[in-house]
Amino acid sequence: MNWTVYLSGEIHTDWRQKIMQGAKDHGLAIKFTSAVTEHEASDAAGDVLGKDDNGFWRDH
């Protein structure tokens, strides 16, 4: 059986890499997905919608 696991949570540590490496080390059939983990790219996710005049949502 194959699993798809979404790893959500804070982006400032390497916990995702540790989980993915552990699954690989144990030969588990898991496909991992997650949110954007690069801070600048995460903050800029809404830029495709246009300019935000007050900037509040940039980091919230």
PDB file of N, CA and C in Angstrom:
ATOM      1  N   MET A   1       0.846  -1.179   0.000  1.00  0.00           N
ATOM      2  CA  MET A   1       0.000   0.000   0.000  1.00  0.00           C
ATOM      3  C   MET A   1       0.889   1.239   0.000  1.00  0.00           C
ATOM      4  N   ASN A   2       0.543   2.196  -0.834  1.00  0.00           N
ATOM      5  CA  ASN A   2       1.252   3.474  -0.875  1.00  0.00           C
ATOM      6  C   ASN A   2       0.459   4.521  -0.110  1.00  0.00           C
ATOM      7  N   TRP A   3       1.162   5.381   0.581  1.00  0.00           N
ATOM      8  CA  TRP A   3       0.541   6.450   1.347  1.00  0.00           C
ATOM      9  C   TRP A   3       1.021   7.793   0.806  1.00  0.00           C
ATOM     10  N   THR A   4       0.142   8.797   0.878  1.00  0.00           N
ATOM     11  CA  THR A   4       0.527  10.182   0.625  1.00  0.00           C
ATOM     12  C   THR A   4       0.316  10.922   1.932  1.00  0.00           C
ATOM     13  N   VAL A   5       1.367  11.575   2.412  1.00  0.00           N
ATOM     14  CA  VAL A   5       1.325  12.250   3.711  1.00  0.00           C
ATOM     15  C   VAL A   5       1.658  13.726   3.515  1.00  0.00           C
ATOM     16  N   TYR A   6       0.776  14.601   4.000  1.00  0.00           N
ATOM     17  CA  TYR A   6       0.983  16.043   3.939  1.00  0.00           C
ATOM     18  C   TYR A   6       1.618  16.489   5.245  1.00  0.00           C
ATOM     19  N   LEU A   7       2.791  17.093   5.169  1.00  0.00           N
ATOM     20  CA  LEU A   7       3.511  17.551   6.358  1.00  0.00           C
ATOM     21  C   LEU A   7       3.282  19.049   6.535  1.00  0.00           C
ATOM     22  N   SER A   8       2.364  19.402   7.432  1.00  0.00           N
ATOM     23  CA  SER A   8       2.082  20.817   7.677  1.00  0.00           C
ATOM     24  C   SER A   8       2.695  21.223   9.009  1.00  0.00           C
ATOM     25  N   GLY A   9       2.945  22.502   9.157  1.00  0.00           N
ATOM     26  CA  GLY A   9       3.504  22.999  10.412  1.00  0.00           C
ATOM     27  C   GLY A   9       4.589  24.024  10.159  1.00  0.00           C
ATOM     28  N   GLU A  10       5.313  24.334  11.204  1.00  0.00           N
ATOM     29  CA  GLU A  10       6.325  25.393  11.128  1.00  0.00           C
ATOM     30  C   GLU A  10       7.398  25.072  10.088  1.00  0.00           C
ATOM     31  N   ILE A  11       8.024  26.140   9.562  1.00  0.00           N
ATOM     32  CA  ILE A  11       8.962  25.967   8.451  1.00  0.00           C
ATOM     33  C   ILE A  11      10.399  26.300   8.831  1.00  0.00           C
ATOM     34  N   HIS A  12      10.688  26.489  10.102  1.00  0.00           N
ATOM     35  CA  HIS A  12      12.003  26.990  10.498  1.00  0.00           C
ATOM     36  C   HIS A  12      12.990  25.911  10.930  1.00  0.00           C
ATOM     37  N   THR A  13      12.563  24.666  11.016  1.00  0.00           N
ATOM     38  CA  THR A  13      13.471  23.581  11.392  1.00  0.00           C
ATOM     39  C   THR A  13      13.412  22.479  10.336  1.00  0.00           C
ATOM     40  N   ASP A  14      14.240  21.463  10.506  1.00  0.00           N
ATOM     41  CA  ASP A  14      14.344  20.404   9.499  1.00  0.00           C
ATOM     42  C   ASP A  14      13.515  19.163   9.827  1.00  0.00           C
ATOM     43  N   TRP A  15      12.446  19.309  10.589  1.00  0.00           N
ATOM     44  CA  TRP A  15      11.677  18.142  11.016  1.00  0.00           C
ATOM     45  C   TRP A  15      11.111  17.370   9.827  1.00  0.00           C
ATOM     46  N   ARG A  16      10.755  18.057   8.743  1.00  0.00           N
ATOM     47  CA  ARG A  16      10.223  17.357   7.563  1.00  0.00           C
ATOM     48  C   ARG A  16      11.278  16.421   6.965  1.00  0.00           C
ATOM     49  N   GLN A  17      12.498  16.935   6.826  1.00  0.00           N
ATOM     50  CA  GLN A  17      13.569  16.119   6.258  1.00  0.00           C
ATOM     51  C   GLN A  17      13.846  14.890   7.125  1.00  0.00           C
ATOM     52  N   LYS A  18      13.782  15.058   8.440  1.00  0.00           N
ATOM     53  CA  LYS A  18      14.014  13.924   9.347  1.00  0.00           C
ATOM     54  C   LYS A  18      12.942  12.851   9.170  1.00  0.00           C
ATOM     55  N   ILE A  19      11.696  13.263   9.042  1.00  0.00           N
ATOM     56  CA  ILE A  19      10.603  12.300   8.842  1.00  0.00           C
ATOM     57  C   ILE A  19      10.749  11.608   7.493  1.00  0.00           C
ATOM     58  N   MET A  20      11.026  12.379   6.449  1.00  0.00           N
ATOM     59  CA  MET A  20      11.174  11.779   5.120  1.00  0.00           C
ATOM     60  C   MET A  20      12.356  10.814   5.073  1.00  0.00           C
ATOM     61  N   GLN A  21      13.468  11.183   5.709  1.00  0.00           N
ATOM     62  CA  GLN A  21      14.629  10.297   5.726  1.00  0.00           C
ATOM     63  C   GLN A  21      14.337   9.035   6.526  1.00  0.00           C
ATOM     64  N   GLY A  22      13.627   9.168   7.645  1.00  0.00           N
ATOM     65  CA  GLY A  22      13.257   7.997   8.441  1.00  0.00           C
ATOM     66  C   GLY A  22      12.381   7.033   7.665  1.00  0.00           C
ATOM     67  N   ALA A  23      11.430   7.566   6.921  1.00  0.00           N
ATOM     68  CA  ALA A  23      10.561   6.712   6.104  1.00  0.00           C
ATOM     69  C   ALA A  23      11.375   6.002   5.028  1.00  0.00           C
ATOM     70  N   LYS A  24      12.289   6.735   4.406  1.00  0.00           N
ATOM     71  CA  LYS A  24      13.147   6.137   3.376  1.00  0.00           C
ATOM     72  C   LYS A  24      14.034   5.048   3.981  1.00  0.00           C
ATOM     73  N   ASP A  25      14.632   5.333   5.137  1.00  0.00           N
ATOM     74  CA  ASP A  25      15.511   4.369   5.808  1.00  0.00           C
ATOM     75  C   ASP A  25      14.793   3.071   6.149  1.00  0.00           C
ATOM     76  N   HIS A  26      13.490   3.168   6.403  1.00  0.00           N
ATOM     77  CA  HIS A  26      12.697   1.993   6.763  1.00  0.00           C
ATOM     78  C   HIS A  26      11.966   1.382   5.566  1.00  0.00           C
ATOM     79  N   GLY A  27      12.225   1.912   4.383  1.00  0.00           N
ATOM     80  CA  GLY A  27      11.636   1.351   3.171  1.00  0.00           C
ATOM     81  C   GLY A  27      10.133   1.526   3.064  1.00  0.00           C
ATOM     82  N   LEU A  28       9.602   2.588   3.663  1.00  0.00           N
ATOM     83  CA  LEU A  28       8.160   2.828   3.639  1.00  0.00           C
ATOM     84  C   LEU A  28       7.744   3.487   2.323  1.00  0.00           C
ATOM     85  N   ALA A  29       6.639   3.039   1.762  1.00  0.00           N
ATOM     86  CA  ALA A  29       6.127   3.572   0.491  1.00  0.00           C
ATOM     87  C   ALA A  29       5.261   4.795   0.773  1.00  0.00           C
ATOM     88  N   ILE A  30       5.924   5.922   1.007  1.00  0.00           N
ATOM     89  CA  ILE A  30       5.216   7.154   1.354  1.00  0.00           C
ATOM     90  C   ILE A  30       5.656   8.268   0.415  1.00  0.00           C
ATOM     91  N   LYS A  31       4.675   8.967  -0.158  1.00  0.00           N
ATOM     92  CA  LYS A  31       4.927  10.174  -0.937  1.00  0.00           C
ATOM     93  C   LYS A  31       4.601  11.346  -0.022  1.00  0.00           C
ATOM     94  N   PHE A  32       5.565  12.209   0.213  1.00  0.00           N
ATOM     95  CA  PHE A  32       5.360  13.346   1.100  1.00  0.00           C
ATOM     96  C   PHE A  32       5.076  14.608   0.300  1.00  0.00           C
ATOM     97  N   THR A  33       4.136  15.408   0.799  1.00  0.00           N
ATOM     98  CA  THR A  33       3.851  16.725   0.246  1.00  0.00           C
ATOM     99  C   THR A  33       3.824  17.697   1.412  1.00  0.00           C
ATOM    100  N   SER A  34       3.932  18.979   1.113  1.00  0.00           N
ATOM    101  CA  SER A  34       3.890  19.975   2.183  1.00  0.00           C
ATOM    102  C   SER A  34       3.597  21.346   1.594  1.00  0.00           C
ATOM    103  N   ALA A  35       3.418  22.274   2.476  1.00  0.00           N
ATOM    104  CA  ALA A  35       3.232  23.666   2.076  1.00  0.00           C
ATOM    105  C   ALA A  35       4.563  24.214   1.565  1.00  0.00           C
ATOM    106  N   VAL A  36       4.547  25.426   1.052  1.00  0.00           N
ATOM    107  CA  VAL A  36       5.782  26.094   0.654  1.00  0.00           C
ATOM    108  C   VAL A  36       6.606  26.321   1.917  1.00  0.00           C
ATOM    109  N   THR A  37       7.837  25.842   1.918  1.00  0.00           N
ATOM    110  CA  THR A  37       8.651  25.922   3.133  1.00  0.00           C
ATOM    111  C   THR A  37       9.742  26.982   3.068  1.00  0.00           C
ATOM    112  N   GLU A  38       9.907  27.651   1.932  1.00  0.00           N
ATOM    113  CA  GLU A  38      10.856  28.755   1.864  1.00  0.00           C
ATOM    114  C   GLU A  38      10.104  30.007   2.305  1.00  0.00           C
ATOM    115  N   HIS A  39      10.598  30.676   3.352  1.00  0.00           N
ATOM    116  CA  HIS A  39       9.852  31.761   3.986  1.00  0.00           C
ATOM    117  C   HIS A  39       9.451  32.867   3.002  1.00  0.00           C
ATOM    118  N   GLU A  40      10.373  33.354   2.199  1.00  0.00           N
ATOM    119  CA  GLU A  40      10.049  34.427   1.247  1.00  0.00           C
ATOM    120  C   GLU A  40       8.976  33.996   0.253  1.00  0.00           C
ATOM    121  N   ALA A  41       9.093  32.789  -0.262  1.00  0.00           N
ATOM    122  CA  ALA A  41       8.100  32.292  -1.219  1.00  0.00           C
ATOM    123  C   ALA A  41       6.742  32.124  -0.547  1.00  0.00           C
ATOM    124  N   SER A  42       6.760  31.708   0.709  1.00  0.00           N
ATOM    125  CA  SER A  42       5.516  31.542   1.459  1.00  0.00           C
ATOM    126  C   SER A  42       4.825  32.894   1.649  1.00  0.00           C
ATOM    127  N   ASP A  43       5.601  33.903   2.044  1.00  0.00           N
ATOM    128  CA  ASP A  43       5.039  35.242   2.228  1.00  0.00           C
ATOM    129  C   ASP A  43       4.502  35.811   0.922  1.00  0.00           C
ATOM    130  N   ALA A  44       5.098  35.413  -0.196  1.00  0.00           N
ATOM    131  CA  ALA A  44       4.728  35.963  -1.502  1.00  0.00           C
ATOM    132  C   ALA A  44       3.627  35.162  -2.196  1.00  0.00           C
ATOM    133  N   ALA A  45       3.056  34.191  -1.525  1.00  0.00           N
ATOM    134  CA  ALA A  45       2.077  33.300  -2.164  1.00  0.00           C
ATOM    135  C   ALA A  45       0.886  34.055  -2.761  1.00  0.00           C
ATOM    136  N   GLY A  46       0.476  35.140  -2.148  1.00  0.00           N
ATOM    137  CA  GLY A  46      -0.677  35.886  -2.639  1.00  0.00           C
ATOM    138  C   GLY A  46      -0.353  36.926  -3.697  1.00  0.00           C
ATOM    139  N   ASP A  47       0.914  37.071  -4.043  1.00  0.00           N
ATOM    140  CA  ASP A  47       1.307  38.094  -5.015  1.00  0.00           C
ATOM    141  C   ASP A  47       0.627  37.926  -6.366  1.00  0.00           C
ATOM    142  N   VAL A  48       0.266  36.710  -6.724  1.00  0.00           N
ATOM    143  CA  VAL A  48      -0.394  36.478  -8.016  1.00  0.00           C
ATOM    144  C   VAL A  48      -1.762  37.156  -8.066  1.00  0.00           C
ATOM    145  N   LEU A  49      -2.309  37.494  -6.905  1.00  0.00           N
ATOM    146  CA  LEU A  49      -3.625  38.131  -6.846  1.00  0.00           C
ATOM    147  C   LEU A  49      -3.554  39.640  -7.025  1.00  0.00           C
ATOM    148  N   GLY A  50      -2.341  40.196  -7.023  1.00  0.00           N
ATOM    149  CA  GLY A  50      -2.175  41.633  -7.192  1.00  0.00           C
ATOM    150  C   GLY A  50      -1.528  42.271  -5.985  1.00  0.00           C
ATOM    151  N   LYS A  51      -1.255  43.555  -6.092  1.00  0.00           N
ATOM    152  CA  LYS A  51      -0.573  44.294  -5.040  1.00  0.00           C
ATOM    153  C   LYS A  51      -1.483  44.467  -3.823  1.00  0.00           C
ATOM    154  N   ASP A  52      -0.913  44.248  -2.646  1.00  0.00           N
ATOM    155  CA  ASP A  52      -1.620  44.467  -1.384  1.00  0.00           C
ATOM    156  C   ASP A  52      -1.173  45.824  -0.846  1.00  0.00           C
ATOM    157  N   ASP A  53      -2.086  46.778  -0.791  1.00  0.00           N
ATOM    158  CA  ASP A  53      -1.713  48.139  -0.431  1.00  0.00           C
ATOM    159  C   ASP A  53      -1.220  48.313   1.000  1.00  0.00           C
ATOM    160  N   ASN A  54      -1.722  47.522   1.948  1.00  0.00           N
ATOM    161  CA  ASN A  54      -1.283  47.742   3.326  1.00  0.00           C
ATOM    162  C   ASN A  54      -0.272  46.711   3.822  1.00  0.00           C
ATOM    163  N   GLY A  55      -0.072  45.625   3.113  1.00  0.00           N
ATOM    164  CA  GLY A  55       0.947  44.645   3.475  1.00  0.00           C
ATOM    165  C   GLY A  55       0.636  43.762   4.668  1.00  0.00           C
ATOM    166  N   PHE A  56      -0.523  43.919   5.290  1.00  0.00           N
ATOM    167  CA  PHE A  56      -0.848  43.137   6.484  1.00  0.00           C
ATOM    168  C   PHE A  56      -0.773  41.641   6.228  1.00  0.00           C
ATOM    169  N   TRP A  57      -1.326  41.195   5.107  1.00  0.00           N
ATOM    170  CA  TRP A  57      -1.406  39.756   4.844  1.00  0.00           C
ATOM    171  C   TRP A  57      -0.098  39.160   4.351  1.00  0.00           C
ATOM    172  N   ARG A  58       0.907  39.975   4.144  1.00  0.00           N
ATOM    173  CA  ARG A  58       2.191  39.482   3.629  1.00  0.00           C
ATOM    174  C   ARG A  58       2.791  38.424   4.556  1.00  0.00           C
ATOM    175  N   ASP A  59       2.677  38.584   5.851  1.00  0.00           N
ATOM    176  CA  ASP A  59       3.278  37.629   6.794  1.00  0.00           C
ATOM    177  C   ASP A  59       2.272  37.145   7.834  1.00  0.00           C
ATOM    178  N   HIS A  60       1.001  37.110   7.460  1.00  0.00           N
ATOM    179  CA  HIS A  60      -0.026  36.635   8.403  1.00  0.00           C
ATOM    180  C   HIS A  60      -0.799  35.500   7.792  1.00  0.00           C
TER     181      HIS A  60
END
